[in-house]
Amino acid sequence: ARNTSTKEDQLLGNFSFFKKEYRLQHILVKGNTYELFLVNPTQKKQELKIIQKTSHTSKETITKIPSKGFFKHCIKVNEKEEKTNVSIQSNLYLARPVVFKIMRSSFDVFHG
């Protein structure tokens, strides 16, 4: 955001001392590729844990995003896999990604 009195840009994001979990509202379905973009709108480096779960497996990815930085996480759900649920654990108040769903002949973009 732009501070009009000082004519400087300021970050509006904030974080907590407690870990929070954000669950993607969209269930990832087989045959599609998903790109999740997460932004760190704070003044400090933030650690994120991305958890992918099916009924049989669980996979965790841990990353650190620098201040004012972003992270791209790709998930390809093959034809043999079941539906996949994704959750994100971090100290960010709202670790809600922008999701690109890439299908065979089209794509969709939405907030997680």
Protein backbone atom coordinates (compact mmCIF):
# COMPACT_ATOMS: atom_id res chain seq x y z
CA ALA A 1 0.00 0.00 0.00
CA ARG A 2 1.11 3.57 -0.58
CA ASN A 3 1.39 5.94 2.38
CA THR A 4 0.36 9.28 0.87
CA SER A 5 1.79 11.41 3.69
CA THR A 6 5.32 9.92 3.51
CA LYS A 7 5.06 8.84 -0.16
CA GLU A 8 6.46 5.42 0.74
CA ASP A 9 5.24 1.90 0.07
CA GLN A 10 4.33 -0.18 3.12
CA LEU A 11 3.58 -3.86 3.59
CA LEU A 12 0.10 -4.62 4.92
CA GLY A 13 0.67 -8.27 5.86
CA ASN A 14 1.29 -9.45 9.37
CA PHE A 15 2.12 -12.63 11.22
CA SER A 16 1.49 -14.28 14.56
CA PHE A 17 3.74 -15.97 17.08
CA PHE A 18 1.44 -19.00 16.81
CA LYS A 19 1.34 -21.44 13.91
CA LYS A 20 -1.83 -21.33 11.85
CA GLU A 21 -3.17 -23.84 9.34
CA TYR A 22 -4.88 -22.83 6.12
CA ARG A 23 -6.74 -25.57 4.25
CA LEU A 24 -7.22 -25.18 0.53
CA GLN A 25 -10.93 -25.05 -0.26
CA HIS A 26 -10.35 -26.81 -3.57
CA ILE A 27 -9.66 -30.56 -3.68
CA LEU A 28 -6.99 -31.39 -6.27
CA VAL A 29 -8.29 -33.92 -8.79
CA LYS A 30 -6.41 -36.46 -10.89
CA GLY A 31 -5.03 -35.62 -14.31
CA ASN A 32 -4.36 -31.94 -13.54
CA THR A 33 -1.33 -29.89 -12.60
CA TYR A 34 -1.58 -27.20 -9.94
CA GLU A 35 0.73 -24.28 -9.30
CA LEU A 36 0.33 -22.64 -5.89
CA PHE A 37 1.84 -19.16 -5.45
CA LEU A 38 2.36 -17.98 -1.87
CA VAL A 39 3.43 -14.43 -0.95
CA ASN A 40 5.18 -13.19 2.19
CA PRO A 41 3.78 -9.68 2.81
CA THR A 42 5.76 -9.21 6.06
CA GLN A 43 9.08 -7.62 6.98
CA LYS A 44 10.52 -10.98 8.16
CA LYS A 45 11.41 -14.26 6.48
CA GLN A 46 8.58 -16.77 6.96
CA GLU A 47 8.67 -20.57 7.04
CA LEU A 48 5.84 -22.53 5.43
CA LYS A 49 4.95 -26.20 5.53
CA ILE A 50 2.80 -27.43 2.63
CA ILE A 51 1.06 -30.75 3.36
CA GLN A 52 -0.49 -32.87 0.59
CA LYS A 53 -2.75 -35.72 1.73
CA THR A 54 -4.62 -38.50 0.01
CA SER A 55 -6.37 -41.36 1.80
CA HIS A 56 -3.12 -43.40 1.56
CA THR A 57 -0.22 -40.95 1.52
CA SER A 58 1.05 -37.73 3.01
CA LYS A 59 3.83 -35.48 1.70
CA GLU A 60 5.31 -32.40 3.38
CA THR A 61 7.32 -29.59 1.79
CA ILE A 62 9.02 -27.01 3.99
CA THR A 63 10.30 -23.72 2.55
CA LYS A 64 11.27 -20.25 3.68
CA ILE A 65 10.00 -17.17 1.86
CA PRO A 66 12.00 -13.95 2.21
CA SER A 67 10.33 -10.67 3.13
CA LYS A 68 8.33 -9.34 0.16
CA GLY A 69 9.07 -12.60 -1.67
CA PHE A 70 6.98 -15.41 -3.11
CA PHE A 71 7.18 -19.18 -3.55
CA LYS A 72 5.80 -21.35 -6.33
CA HIS A 73 4.82 -24.93 -5.43
CA CYS A 74 3.86 -27.35 -8.23
CA ILE A 75 1.65 -30.40 -7.73
CA LYS A 76 0.93 -32.87 -10.53
CA VAL A 77 -1.88 -35.27 -9.68
CA ASN A 78 -1.48 -38.25 -12.01
CA GLU A 79 -4.33 -40.41 -13.33
CA LYS A 80 -3.78 -43.17 -10.75
CA GLU A 81 -3.86 -40.94 -7.68
CA GLU A 82 -6.89 -40.13 -5.60
CA LYS A 83 -8.16 -36.70 -4.74
CA THR A 84 -5.58 -34.64 -2.86
CA ASN A 85 -6.15 -32.23 0.00
CA VAL A 86 -3.63 -29.46 0.66
CA SER A 87 -3.01 -27.50 3.84
CA ILE A 88 -0.43 -24.82 4.64
CA GLN A 89 1.03 -24.26 8.08
CA SER A 90 2.75 -20.96 8.86
CA ASN A 91 2.80 -17.95 11.14
CA LEU A 92 1.14 -15.80 8.45
CA TYR A 93 -2.37 -14.68 9.34
CA LEU A 94 -3.71 -15.87 6.00
CA ALA A 95 -1.47 -18.15 3.92
CA ARG A 96 -3.98 -18.27 1.06
CA PRO A 97 -2.31 -19.08 -2.26
CA VAL A 98 -3.22 -18.07 -5.78
CA VAL A 99 -3.82 -21.37 -7.58
CA PHE A 100 -3.34 -22.08 -11.27
CA LYS A 101 -5.19 -25.28 -12.27
CA ILE A 102 -3.75 -26.51 -15.56
CA MET A 103 -5.94 -28.95 -17.48
CA ARG A 104 -5.37 -30.59 -20.88
CA SER A 105 -7.04 -27.92 -22.98
CA SER A 106 -7.58 -25.02 -20.59
CA PHE A 107 -6.63 -23.51 -17.24
CA ASP A 108 -8.29 -21.83 -14.30
CA VAL A 109 -6.99 -19.30 -11.74
CA PHE A 110 -8.46 -18.84 -8.27
CA HIS A 111 -7.64 -18.20 -4.62
CA GLY A 112 -7.16 -21.33 -2.57
